[in-house]
Amino acid sequence: MQKKKFSPKLQAKIDSLKSKREAIQLGEVSFASKVLLAPMAGICNAPFRLLMEDLGAGGTVSELISANGINHGNDRTLSMLELDEREEHVGIQLFGEDTESMAKAAEVAQRYNPKFLDINMGCPVRKVVTKGGGSALMRDPEFLGPFFAGIRKAINIPLSIKIRTGWDAESLNAEVIEKIAYNEGIEWVAIHGRTRTQQYTGFADWDYIENIAENSILPIIGNGDLHQAYQVQNRLQQTKCDALMIARGCLRNPFIFLEAFNETPDQVSLFDGSDYFEVSERLYDYMLETFDNPRIQLTQMRKLIVWFAAGFPSAAKFRSNMFASKDLDEVMQLSQNFFMGLGDRPKYINYNEVFMNGGHG
């Protein structure tokens, strides 16, 4: 199945910015650029990943998927493993705390043909951590060697990990884990620049990430507080990291993977309301192709389009109308009226306000 084209106007802007990207190689895996989509729970399903690839993400990772759910044959969990044949640079992320369980689940996940598998060692939410998964794995480095080795032995595709700087400010140990990962054949390490106790509050510690990247044997991907295109561009120009990951930043600016390569990304966006509506239409197509359940389609479309609208005039009223809508036809009509009615009015986002500081992977 071929990917669709946007309108000539929008496609020309996308192609122009994509031409400024450079492909990279991390271990055995190639990506279309140094700026990748980070895994986010409840968000990084196939439609969203496809859309972000269309809009310049150099690669993507699935939302975190439970190893226990896979091994118990849970239908919903297994459906999360399904990749779209049009996805070009995609990995599957698993979470769990038991070596045998993770190895067995990795074997199953590999059958879905991802480019790589990733171990979630960064999720800070209680229901994951209390069972010993996510960022709780960072508390016992001695466990990690056999843990990585057991999973690595079960698969024949690249394996990566995504971690935090440590459990708390008194136990920063990402550099210790990077060395263990290298010894066990891990392909690269992605580091979110916060501790587990920070959750998504405070600021990412980029000095710590950069110090690890400068001295690391493995490729390092930096992640955290890359909310604006100029922040991504500035970091690309100075980082010792091999690549960057964007999470929340792309929810309010789906064009951030492209605008990071704009020569003046801190200026007025190249993309207007009509472009945002085209993107919403593309997301709509992908949702219908992927999900049969109207409730899932409606829930996903409403929340994502509302995030896309953030920063535009009258976005609060639009948000209220969207969450009162009962079906997809109404969602798309409201979206068309809103985005197409914006004209050339610019988007402005207050990046000082708290945005999605709950758990999302």
Protein backbone atom coordinates (compact mmCIF):
# COMPACT_ATOMS: atom_id res chain seq x y z
CA MET A 1 0.00 0.00 0.00
CA GLN A 2 1.44 3.35 -1.06
CA LYS A 3 1.52 6.38 1.18
CA LYS A 4 -0.77 9.19 0.08
CA LYS A 5 0.33 12.67 -0.91
CA PHE A 6 -0.90 15.85 0.71
CA SER A 7 -2.11 18.76 -1.40
CA PRO A 8 0.61 20.19 -3.70
CA LYS A 9 0.89 23.28 -1.46
CA LEU A 10 1.46 21.34 1.75
CA GLN A 11 3.49 18.55 0.15
CA ALA A 12 5.91 21.11 -1.32
CA LYS A 13 6.57 22.58 2.15
CA ILE A 14 7.03 19.12 3.63
CA ASP A 15 9.38 17.96 0.86
CA SER A 16 11.46 21.15 1.10
CA LEU A 17 12.12 20.63 4.81
CA LYS A 18 12.58 16.88 4.50
CA SER A 19 15.33 17.53 1.95
CA LYS A 20 17.37 19.25 4.69
CA ARG A 21 17.42 16.16 6.89
CA GLU A 22 20.26 13.65 6.88
CA ALA A 23 19.77 9.92 7.36
CA ILE A 24 21.64 8.35 10.27
CA GLN A 25 22.75 4.89 11.33
CA LEU A 26 22.49 3.78 14.97
CA GLY A 27 24.20 0.44 15.24
CA GLU A 28 22.48 -1.79 12.71
CA VAL A 29 19.40 0.42 12.33
CA SER A 30 18.99 3.27 9.87
CA PHE A 31 16.71 6.26 10.39
CA ALA A 32 15.60 9.03 8.02
CA SER A 33 16.89 11.78 10.33
CA LYS A 34 18.34 12.46 13.79
CA VAL A 35 14.96 13.53 15.18
CA LEU A 36 12.78 10.58 16.24
CA LEU A 37 9.35 10.12 17.78
CA ALA A 38 9.53 8.98 21.41
CA PRO A 39 7.17 6.23 22.62
CA MET A 40 4.08 7.58 24.43
CA ALA A 41 1.40 5.42 26.04
CA GLY A 42 -2.05 5.77 24.51
CA ILE A 43 -0.65 7.91 21.68
CA CYS A 44 1.98 6.12 19.60
CA ASN A 45 -0.33 3.71 17.79
CA ALA A 46 0.05 2.95 14.09
CA PRO A 47 -2.04 5.91 12.80
CA PHE A 48 -0.09 8.44 14.84
CA ARG A 49 3.27 6.87 13.98
CA LEU A 50 2.41 6.91 10.28
CA LEU A 51 1.38 10.55 10.47
CA MET A 52 4.57 11.56 12.26
CA GLU A 53 6.66 9.76 9.61
CA ASP A 54 4.71 11.66 6.96
CA LEU A 55 5.57 14.85 8.83
CA GLY A 56 9.29 14.24 9.10
CA ALA A 57 9.96 11.98 12.09
CA GLY A 58 13.13 10.06 11.29
CA GLY A 59 11.81 6.97 13.07
CA THR A 60 9.12 5.94 15.54
CA VAL A 61 8.56 3.60 18.49
CA SER A 62 5.30 2.00 19.60
CA GLU A 63 3.64 2.81 22.87
CA LEU A 64 4.83 0.59 25.72
CA ILE A 65 3.34 -2.90 25.44
CA SER A 66 3.02 -5.34 28.32
CA ALA A 67 5.11 -8.50 28.10
CA ASN A 68 2.65 -10.24 30.43
CA GLY A 69 -0.26 -9.20 28.23
CA ILE A 70 1.49 -10.67 25.19
CA ASN A 71 2.28 -13.91 26.96
CA HIS A 72 -1.29 -14.29 28.21
CA GLY A 73 -2.58 -13.86 24.66
CA ASN A 74 -4.59 -10.74 25.49
CA ASP A 75 -6.27 -9.68 22.24
CA ARG A 76 -5.97 -5.95 22.89
CA THR A 77 -2.29 -6.28 23.77
CA LEU A 78 -1.53 -8.39 20.72
CA SER A 79 -3.29 -5.85 18.49
CA MET A 80 -0.86 -3.19 19.76
CA LEU A 81 1.98 -5.16 18.18
CA GLU A 82 0.54 -4.81 14.69
CA LEU A 83 2.54 -2.56 12.38
CA ASP A 84 1.35 -0.91 9.18
CA GLU A 85 3.23 -2.04 6.07
CA ARG A 86 3.83 1.64 5.23
CA GLU A 87 5.85 2.24 8.41
CA GLU A 88 9.48 2.54 7.36
CA HIS A 89 11.51 3.06 10.55
CA VAL A 90 9.55 1.60 13.45
CA GLY A 91 10.40 -0.26 16.64
CA ILE A 92 8.25 -2.00 19.27
CA GLN A 93 8.68 -1.15 22.94
CA LEU A 94 8.03 -3.76 25.63
CA PHE A 95 7.79 -3.43 29.39
CA GLY A 96 8.08 -6.03 32.09
CA GLU A 97 10.21 -7.03 35.05
CA ASP A 98 10.92 -10.74 34.56
CA THR A 99 13.65 -11.98 32.21
CA GLU A 100 11.85 -15.11 31.06
CA SER A 101 8.59 -13.26 30.46
CA MET A 102 10.31 -10.44 28.55
CA ALA A 103 12.32 -12.88 26.43
CA LYS A 104 9.20 -14.84 25.52
CA ALA A 105 7.29 -11.65 24.66
CA ALA A 106 10.23 -10.34 22.62
CA GLU A 107 10.16 -13.53 20.57
CA VAL A 108 6.49 -12.91 19.78
CA ALA A 109 6.98 -9.20 19.06
CA GLN A 110 9.77 -9.96 16.62
CA ARG A 111 7.30 -11.85 14.40
CA TYR A 112 5.57 -8.54 13.64
CA ASN A 113 8.70 -7.39 11.79
CA PRO A 114 9.78 -4.24 13.60
CA LYS A 115 13.20 -2.81 12.79
CA PHE A 116 14.14 -3.16 16.47
CA LEU A 117 12.77 -3.92 19.92
CA ASP A 118 13.10 -1.49 22.81
CA ILE A 119 12.96 -2.13 26.57
CA ASN A 120 11.03 0.43 28.59
CA MET A 121 13.13 1.38 31.61
CA GLY A 122 11.80 4.91 31.95
CA CYS A 123 8.07 4.75 32.64
CA PRO A 124 7.52 6.30 36.10
CA VAL A 125 3.83 5.51 36.63
CA ARG A 126 2.94 3.62 39.78
CA LYS A 127 1.13 0.64 38.22
CA VAL A 128 4.25 -0.20 36.17
CA VAL A 129 6.89 0.65 38.78
CA THR A 130 5.30 -1.18 41.72
CA LYS A 131 5.58 -4.45 39.76
CA GLY A 132 9.27 -3.82 39.12
CA GLY A 133 9.01 -2.62 35.50
CA GLY A 134 9.72 0.71 33.83
CA SER A 135 12.10 2.96 35.73
CA ALA A 136 12.14 0.54 38.69
CA LEU A 137 14.58 -1.58 36.65
CA MET A 138 17.20 1.15 37.12
CA ARG A 139 17.32 0.51 40.86
CA ASP A 140 19.16 -2.81 40.50
CA PRO A 141 21.98 -2.58 37.93
CA GLU A 142 23.30 -6.03 38.91
CA PHE A 143 20.05 -7.56 37.63
CA LEU A 144 20.36 -5.89 34.24
CA GLY A 145 23.23 -7.87 32.71
CA PRO A 146 21.39 -11.23 32.80
CA PHE A 147 18.12 -9.43 32.01
CA PHE A 148 19.47 -7.89 28.79
CA ALA A 149 21.29 -11.10 27.87
CA GLY A 150 18.16 -13.23 28.23
CA ILE A 151 16.12 -10.96 25.98
CA ARG A 152 18.95 -10.50 23.49
CA LYS A 153 19.36 -14.27 23.16
CA ALA A 154 15.66 -14.71 22.30
CA ILE A 155 15.70 -12.46 19.22
CA ASN A 156 17.82 -11.80 16.14
CA ILE A 157 16.94 -8.15 15.56
CA PRO A 158 18.50 -5.11 17.28
CA LEU A 159 17.60 -4.40 20.91
CA SER A 160 17.67 -0.94 22.51
CA ILE A 161 16.71 0.53 25.88
CA LYS A 162 15.07 3.76 27.01
CA ILE A 163 15.97 4.91 30.50
CA ARG A 164 15.95 7.93 32.78
CA THR A 165 18.88 9.62 34.48
CA GLY A 166 18.19 7.55 37.60
CA TRP A 167 15.61 6.76 40.24
CA ASP A 168 16.11 10.05 42.09
CA ALA A 169 18.65 12.87 42.37
CA GLU A 170 20.75 10.83 44.82
CA SER A 171 21.01 7.79 42.54
CA LEU A 172 21.86 9.00 39.04
CA ASN A 173 23.21 5.90 37.32
CA ALA A 174 22.48 6.15 33.59
CA GLU A 175 26.19 5.96 32.80
CA VAL A 176 26.49 2.69 34.75
CA ILE A 177 23.54 1.21 32.85
CA GLU A 178 24.99 2.35 29.51
CA LYS A 179 28.15 0.32 30.19
CA ILE A 180 26.13 -2.76 31.14
CA ALA A 181 24.06 -2.32 27.98
CA TYR A 182 27.19 -2.16 25.85
CA ASN A 183 28.54 -5.38 27.36
CA GLU A 184 25.29 -7.19 26.59
CA GLY A 185 24.93 -6.18 22.95
CA ILE A 186 22.35 -3.41 23.28
CA GLU A 187 22.28 -1.25 20.14
CA TRP A 188 21.77 2.20 21.70
CA VAL A 189 20.49 3.92 24.84
CA ALA A 190 17.80 6.62 24.81
CA ILE A 191 17.89 8.80 27.93
CA HIS A 192 15.04 10.93 29.23
CA GLY A 193 16.71 13.68 31.23
CA ARG A 194 14.59 13.35 34.36
CA THR A 195 14.67 10.99 37.33
CA ARG A 196 11.76 8.72 38.17
CA THR A 197 10.80 10.87 41.15
CA GLN A 198 10.53 13.92 38.89
CA GLN A 199 7.93 12.15 36.75
CA TYR A 200 7.37 14.83 34.05
CA THR A 201 7.89 17.88 36.28
CA GLY A 202 10.90 20.17 36.55
CA PHE A 203 13.46 20.25 33.78
CA ALA A 204 15.44 17.65 31.86
CA ASP A 205 19.11 17.52 32.88
CA TRP A 206 20.78 17.95 29.50
CA ASP A 207 24.22 18.52 31.05
CA TYR A 208 24.04 15.00 32.44
CA ILE A 209 22.83 13.54 29.15
CA GLU A 210 25.55 15.35 27.19
CA ASN A 211 28.26 14.17 29.55
CA ILE A 212 27.19 10.56 29.05
CA ALA A 213 26.97 11.04 25.28
CA GLU A 214 30.48 12.48 25.17
CA ASN A 215 31.95 9.49 26.97
CA SER A 216 29.65 6.69 25.81
CA ILE A 217 30.71 3.76 23.67
CA LEU A 218 27.13 3.18 22.52
CA PRO A 219 25.04 5.67 20.52
CA ILE A 220 23.01 7.91 22.83
CA ILE A 221 19.60 9.42 22.06
CA GLY A 222 18.67 12.47 24.14
CA ASN A 223 15.08 13.16 25.20
CA GLY A 224 13.34 15.79 27.29
CA ASP A 225 11.99 19.36 27.06
CA LEU A 226 12.23 19.57 23.28
CA HIS A 227 8.91 21.35 22.94
CA GLN A 228 9.71 23.98 20.32
CA ALA A 229 11.34 23.70 16.92
CA TYR A 230 14.12 26.15 17.76
CA GLN A 231 14.96 24.13 20.89
CA VAL A 232 15.38 21.04 18.74
CA GLN A 233 17.51 22.90 16.21
CA ASN A 234 19.72 24.45 18.91
CA ARG A 235 20.22 21.06 20.52
CA LEU A 236 21.07 19.44 17.19
CA GLN A 237 23.77 22.05 16.63
CA GLN A 238 25.49 21.50 19.98
CA THR A 239 24.65 17.98 21.13
CA LYS A 240 27.07 15.11 21.58
CA CYS A 241 24.06 12.78 21.26
CA ASP A 242 23.72 10.72 18.12
CA ALA A 243 19.99 11.52 17.84
CA LEU A 244 17.12 13.22 19.67
CA MET A 245 13.64 12.03 20.62
CA ILE A 246 10.57 14.24 20.76
CA ALA A 247 7.54 13.30 22.84
CA ARG A 248 5.05 15.93 24.03
CA GLY A 249 6.41 18.58 21.66
CA CYS A 250 4.81 16.96 18.61
CA LEU A 251 1.35 16.85 20.17
CA ARG A 252 0.86 20.59 19.98
CA ASN A 253 3.09 21.03 16.94
CA PRO A 254 2.85 18.01 14.63
CA PHE A 255 5.23 19.81 12.24
CA ILE A 256 8.07 20.03 14.77
CA PHE A 257 10.09 17.26 13.09
CA LEU A 258 10.13 19.40 9.94
CA GLU A 259 10.42 22.85 11.51
CA ALA A 260 13.53 21.73 13.37
CA PHE A 261 15.20 21.92 9.95
CA ASN A 262 13.76 25.31 9.05
CA GLU A 263 16.51 27.94 8.92
CA THR A 264 14.49 30.25 11.18
CA PRO A 265 12.34 27.91 13.31
CA ASP A 266 11.70 30.56 15.99
CA GLN A 267 9.90 32.75 13.47
CA VAL A 268 6.26 32.45 12.31
CA SER A 269 5.45 28.87 11.33
CA LEU A 270 5.44 27.87 7.69
CA PHE A 271 2.23 25.95 8.35
CA ASP A 272 -1.23 27.51 8.62
CA GLY A 273 -4.71 26.40 9.64
CA SER A 274 -5.47 24.74 6.31
CA ASP A 275 -2.32 22.62 6.71
CA TYR A 276 -3.47 21.52 10.16
CA PHE A 277 -6.82 20.48 8.72
CA GLU A 278 -5.09 18.41 6.02
CA VAL A 279 -3.06 16.69 8.71
CA SER A 280 -6.26 16.01 10.66
CA GLU A 281 -7.82 14.49 7.53
CA ARG A 282 -4.78 12.25 7.02
CA LEU A 283 -4.99 11.13 10.65
CA TYR A 284 -8.70 10.41 10.12
CA ASP A 285 -7.88 8.17 7.14
CA TYR A 286 -5.26 6.27 9.11
CA MET A 287 -7.61 5.81 12.08
CA LEU A 288 -10.36 4.34 9.90
CA GLU A 289 -7.88 2.00 8.20
CA THR A 290 -6.49 0.77 11.53
CA PHE A 291 -9.37 0.62 14.01
CA ASP A 292 -12.84 -0.90 13.54
CA ASN A 293 -14.13 0.34 16.89
CA PRO A 294 -15.94 3.70 16.50
CA ARG A 295 -15.31 4.55 20.15
CA ILE A 296 -11.54 4.21 19.74
CA GLN A 297 -11.66 6.24 16.52
CA LEU A 298 -13.63 9.02 18.21
CA THR A 299 -11.52 9.13 21.37
CA GLN A 300 -8.23 9.20 19.50
CA MET A 301 -9.32 11.80 16.94
CA ARG A 302 -10.81 14.19 19.48
CA LYS A 303 -7.82 14.30 21.79
CA LEU A 304 -5.20 14.57 19.04
CA ILE A 305 -6.98 17.26 17.03
CA VAL A 306 -7.58 19.28 20.19
CA TRP A 307 -3.85 19.13 20.93
CA PHE A 308 -3.08 20.18 17.34
CA ALA A 309 -5.36 23.21 17.83
CA ALA A 310 -3.55 24.42 20.95
CA GLY A 311 -2.25 27.96 20.56
CA PHE A 312 -4.63 29.03 17.80
CA PRO A 313 -7.24 31.77 18.52
CA SER A 314 -10.45 30.41 20.10
CA ALA A 315 -8.82 27.02 20.77
CA ALA A 316 -10.51 26.78 24.19
CA LYS A 317 -14.00 27.07 22.68
CA PHE A 318 -13.05 24.61 19.96
CA ARG A 319 -11.83 22.14 22.58
CA SER A 320 -15.13 22.39 24.46
CA ASN A 321 -17.14 21.79 21.29
CA MET A 322 -14.94 18.87 20.28
CA PHE A 323 -15.32 17.00 23.54
CA ALA A 324 -19.09 17.48 23.34
CA SER A 325 -19.17 15.89 19.89
CA LYS A 326 -20.62 12.39 19.65
CA ASP A 327 -19.39 11.04 16.30
CA LEU A 328 -16.54 11.30 13.84
CA ASP A 329 -18.52 13.20 11.21
CA GLU A 330 -19.17 15.97 13.71
CA VAL A 331 -15.52 15.94 14.82
CA MET A 332 -14.31 16.41 11.27
CA GLN A 333 -16.89 19.11 10.49
CA LEU A 334 -15.92 21.05 13.62
CA SER A 335 -12.25 20.65 12.69
CA GLN A 336 -12.81 21.89 9.16
CA ASN A 337 -14.74 24.93 10.38
CA PHE A 338 -12.09 25.76 12.95
CA PHE A 339 -8.87 25.24 11.02
CA MET A 340 -10.10 26.54 7.66
CA GLY A 341 -11.55 29.62 9.37
CA LEU A 342 -8.20 30.63 10.87
CA GLY A 343 -6.85 32.24 7.71
CA ASP A 344 -3.31 33.43 8.38
CA ARG A 345 -3.80 33.91 12.10
CA PRO A 346 -0.67 32.51 13.83
CA LYS A 347 -0.36 29.88 16.50
CA TYR A 348 1.06 30.87 19.88
CA ILE A 349 1.68 28.35 22.63
CA ASN A 350 2.49 29.26 26.22
CA TYR A 351 5.25 26.75 26.89
CA ASN A 352 5.39 27.77 30.55
CA GLU A 353 2.04 26.14 31.25
CA VAL A 354 1.93 22.54 32.45
CA PHE A 355 1.10 20.16 29.62
CA MET A 356 0.53 16.45 30.03
CA ASN A 357 2.61 15.94 33.15
CA GLY A 358 0.86 12.65 33.87
CA GLY A 359 2.16 9.25 32.81
CA HIS A 360 2.39 8.49 29.11
CA GLY A 361 5.35 6.15 28.79
